[in-house]
Every structure is written in structure tokens, then in C-alpha cells.
Amino acid sequence: MGIYNKVMLYFWLVMAVLIFVGVTIMGIYEGFDRWVFSYLFGGISLLMFFVRRYMMKRMVKHMAYLEELKKSQNK
């Protein structure tokens, strides 16, 4: 499950960068007044990256806590 989480973490980061670059290029060619709202999708992708990273760190700490709890109960 750890590999899947890391792949999805960087998927959201890559998507955010691609969306920002793509929207910027289309904004230059066609005008930013048509494409400015599409930056929202890049922002959501970037938010997903940070939320996923936070949750992964939180999960690792929780798993360590459960292991420590299990060891203390077995003694």
C-alpha cells in the first residue's frame, strides 16, 4: 500500500504542475479572461497533494503508536 500512496502523492503534484503550465500557455494564446477559472483545478490538485502528504505522515505516526501500544500490552 505504501507504493500506491507514493505514486498517488506525486500524481497530484504532477497534475498540478501540468494544469498550471497548460492553463498559462492557453491563457497566453487565447487570453487569460477565458482561462483564469481553470487555475482552480490546478489549485485543487495542489491541495490534494498537501492533504495526501499530511495524511500519509499522520498514518505513519498512528501505525507507530499502535505498534508501541501492542508492545506495551504484551509485556
C-alpha atoms as a PDB file:
ATOM      1  CA  MET A   1       0.000   0.000   0.000  1.00  0.00           C
ATOM      2  CA  GLY A   2       2.960   2.323   0.548  1.00  0.00           C
ATOM      3  CA  ILE A   3       3.946   2.314  -3.134  1.00  0.00           C
ATOM      4  CA  TYR A   4       0.407   3.163  -4.203  1.00  0.00           C
ATOM      5  CA  ASN A   5       0.283   6.080  -1.760  1.00  0.00           C
ATOM      6  CA  LYS A   6       3.584   7.493  -3.002  1.00  0.00           C
ATOM      7  CA  VAL A   7       2.516   7.160  -6.644  1.00  0.00           C
ATOM      8  CA  MET A   8      -0.752   8.947  -5.958  1.00  0.00           C
ATOM      9  CA  LEU A   9       1.036  11.625  -3.939  1.00  0.00           C
ATOM     10  CA  TYR A  10       3.286  12.530  -6.837  1.00  0.00           C
ATOM     11  CA  PHE A  11       0.449  12.091  -9.334  1.00  0.00           C
ATOM     12  CA  TRP A  12      -1.341  15.043  -7.745  1.00  0.00           C
ATOM     13  CA  LEU A  13       1.835  17.125  -7.766  1.00  0.00           C
ATOM     14  CA  VAL A  14       2.487  16.382 -11.448  1.00  0.00           C
ATOM     15  CA  MET A  15      -1.137  17.108 -12.325  1.00  0.00           C
ATOM     16  CA  ALA A  16      -0.986  20.459 -10.528  1.00  0.00           C
ATOM     17  CA  VAL A  17       2.153  21.467 -12.425  1.00  0.00           C
ATOM     18  CA  LEU A  18       0.764  20.303 -15.773  1.00  0.00           C
ATOM     19  CA  ILE A  19      -2.507  22.133 -15.229  1.00  0.00           C
ATOM     20  CA  PHE A  20      -0.759  25.366 -14.213  1.00  0.00           C
ATOM     21  CA  VAL A  21       1.556  25.206 -17.226  1.00  0.00           C
ATOM     22  CA  GLY A  22      -1.238  24.243 -19.613  1.00  0.00           C
ATOM     23  CA  VAL A  23      -3.586  26.958 -18.410  1.00  0.00           C
ATOM     24  CA  THR A  24      -0.817  29.549 -18.568  1.00  0.00           C
ATOM     25  CA  ILE A  25       0.053  28.590 -22.156  1.00  0.00           C
ATOM     26  CA  MET A  26      -3.603  28.633 -23.208  1.00  0.00           C
ATOM     27  CA  GLY A  27      -4.030  31.945 -21.402  1.00  0.00           C
ATOM     28  CA  ILE A  28      -1.172  33.441 -23.387  1.00  0.00           C
ATOM     29  CA  TYR A  29      -2.579  32.189 -26.695  1.00  0.00           C
ATOM     30  CA  GLU A  30      -6.289  32.814 -26.164  1.00  0.00           C
ATOM     31  CA  GLY A  31      -6.391  35.378 -23.368  1.00  0.00           C
ATOM     32  CA  PHE A  32      -6.479  34.934 -19.634  1.00  0.00           C
ATOM     33  CA  ASP A  33     -10.062  36.129 -19.382  1.00  0.00           C
ATOM     34  CA  ARG A  34     -11.165  32.758 -20.818  1.00  0.00           C
ATOM     35  CA  TRP A  35      -8.760  30.572 -18.807  1.00  0.00           C
ATOM     36  CA  VAL A  36      -8.408  32.241 -15.412  1.00  0.00           C
ATOM     37  CA  PHE A  37     -11.006  29.987 -13.760  1.00  0.00           C
ATOM     38  CA  SER A  38      -9.112  26.871 -14.842  1.00  0.00           C
ATOM     39  CA  TYR A  39      -6.385  27.730 -12.339  1.00  0.00           C
ATOM     40  CA  LEU A  40      -8.877  26.483  -9.770  1.00  0.00           C
ATOM     41  CA  PHE A  41      -8.286  22.909 -10.966  1.00  0.00           C
ATOM     42  CA  GLY A  42      -4.544  23.320 -10.514  1.00  0.00           C
ATOM     43  CA  GLY A  43      -5.141  24.697  -7.038  1.00  0.00           C
ATOM     44  CA  ILE A  44      -7.355  21.762  -6.140  1.00  0.00           C
ATOM     45  CA  SER A  45      -4.702  19.341  -7.388  1.00  0.00           C
ATOM     46  CA  LEU A  46      -2.057  21.094  -5.313  1.00  0.00           C
ATOM     47  CA  LEU A  47      -4.369  21.000  -2.296  1.00  0.00           C
ATOM     48  CA  MET A  48      -4.853  17.256  -2.831  1.00  0.00           C
ATOM     49  CA  PHE A  49      -1.066  16.811  -2.832  1.00  0.00           C
ATOM     50  CA  PHE A  50      -0.675  18.574   0.507  1.00  0.00           C
ATOM     51  CA  VAL A  51      -3.662  16.841   2.114  1.00  0.00           C
ATOM     52  CA  ARG A  52      -2.434  13.431   0.970  1.00  0.00           C
ATOM     53  CA  ARG A  53       1.080  14.133   2.251  1.00  0.00           C
ATOM     54  CA  TYR A  54      -0.309  15.259   5.625  1.00  0.00           C
ATOM     55  CA  MET A  55      -2.493  12.161   5.897  1.00  0.00           C
ATOM     56  CA  MET A  56       0.403   9.851   4.987  1.00  0.00           C
ATOM     57  CA  LYS A  57       2.571  11.348   7.732  1.00  0.00           C
ATOM     58  CA  ARG A  58      -0.320  11.085  10.155  1.00  0.00           C
ATOM     59  CA  MET A  59      -0.881   7.430   9.219  1.00  0.00           C
ATOM     60  CA  VAL A  60       2.792   6.578   9.814  1.00  0.00           C
ATOM     61  CA  LYS A  61       2.662   8.169  13.278  1.00  0.00           C
ATOM     62  CA  HIS A  62      -0.559   6.333  14.094  1.00  0.00           C
ATOM     63  CA  MET A  63       0.872   2.978  12.976  1.00  0.00           C
ATOM     64  CA  ALA A  64       3.939   3.574  15.167  1.00  0.00           C
ATOM     65  CA  TYR A  65       1.640   4.405  18.091  1.00  0.00           C
ATOM     66  CA  LEU A  66      -0.349   1.203  17.556  1.00  0.00           C
ATOM     67  CA  GLU A  67       2.841  -0.856  17.462  1.00  0.00           C
ATOM     68  CA  GLU A  68       4.039   0.742  20.686  1.00  0.00           C
ATOM     69  CA  LEU A  69       0.654   0.107  22.294  1.00  0.00           C
ATOM     70  CA  LYS A  70       0.744  -3.514  21.180  1.00  0.00           C
ATOM     71  CA  LYS A  71       4.230  -3.992  22.627  1.00  0.00           C
ATOM     72  CA  SER A  72       3.233  -2.447  25.949  1.00  0.00           C
ATOM     73  CA  GLN A  73       0.152  -4.678  26.219  1.00  0.00           C
ATOM     74  CA  ASN A  74       2.174  -7.850  25.543  1.00  0.00           C
ATOM     75  CA  LYS A  75       4.566  -7.199  28.428  1.00  0.00           C
END
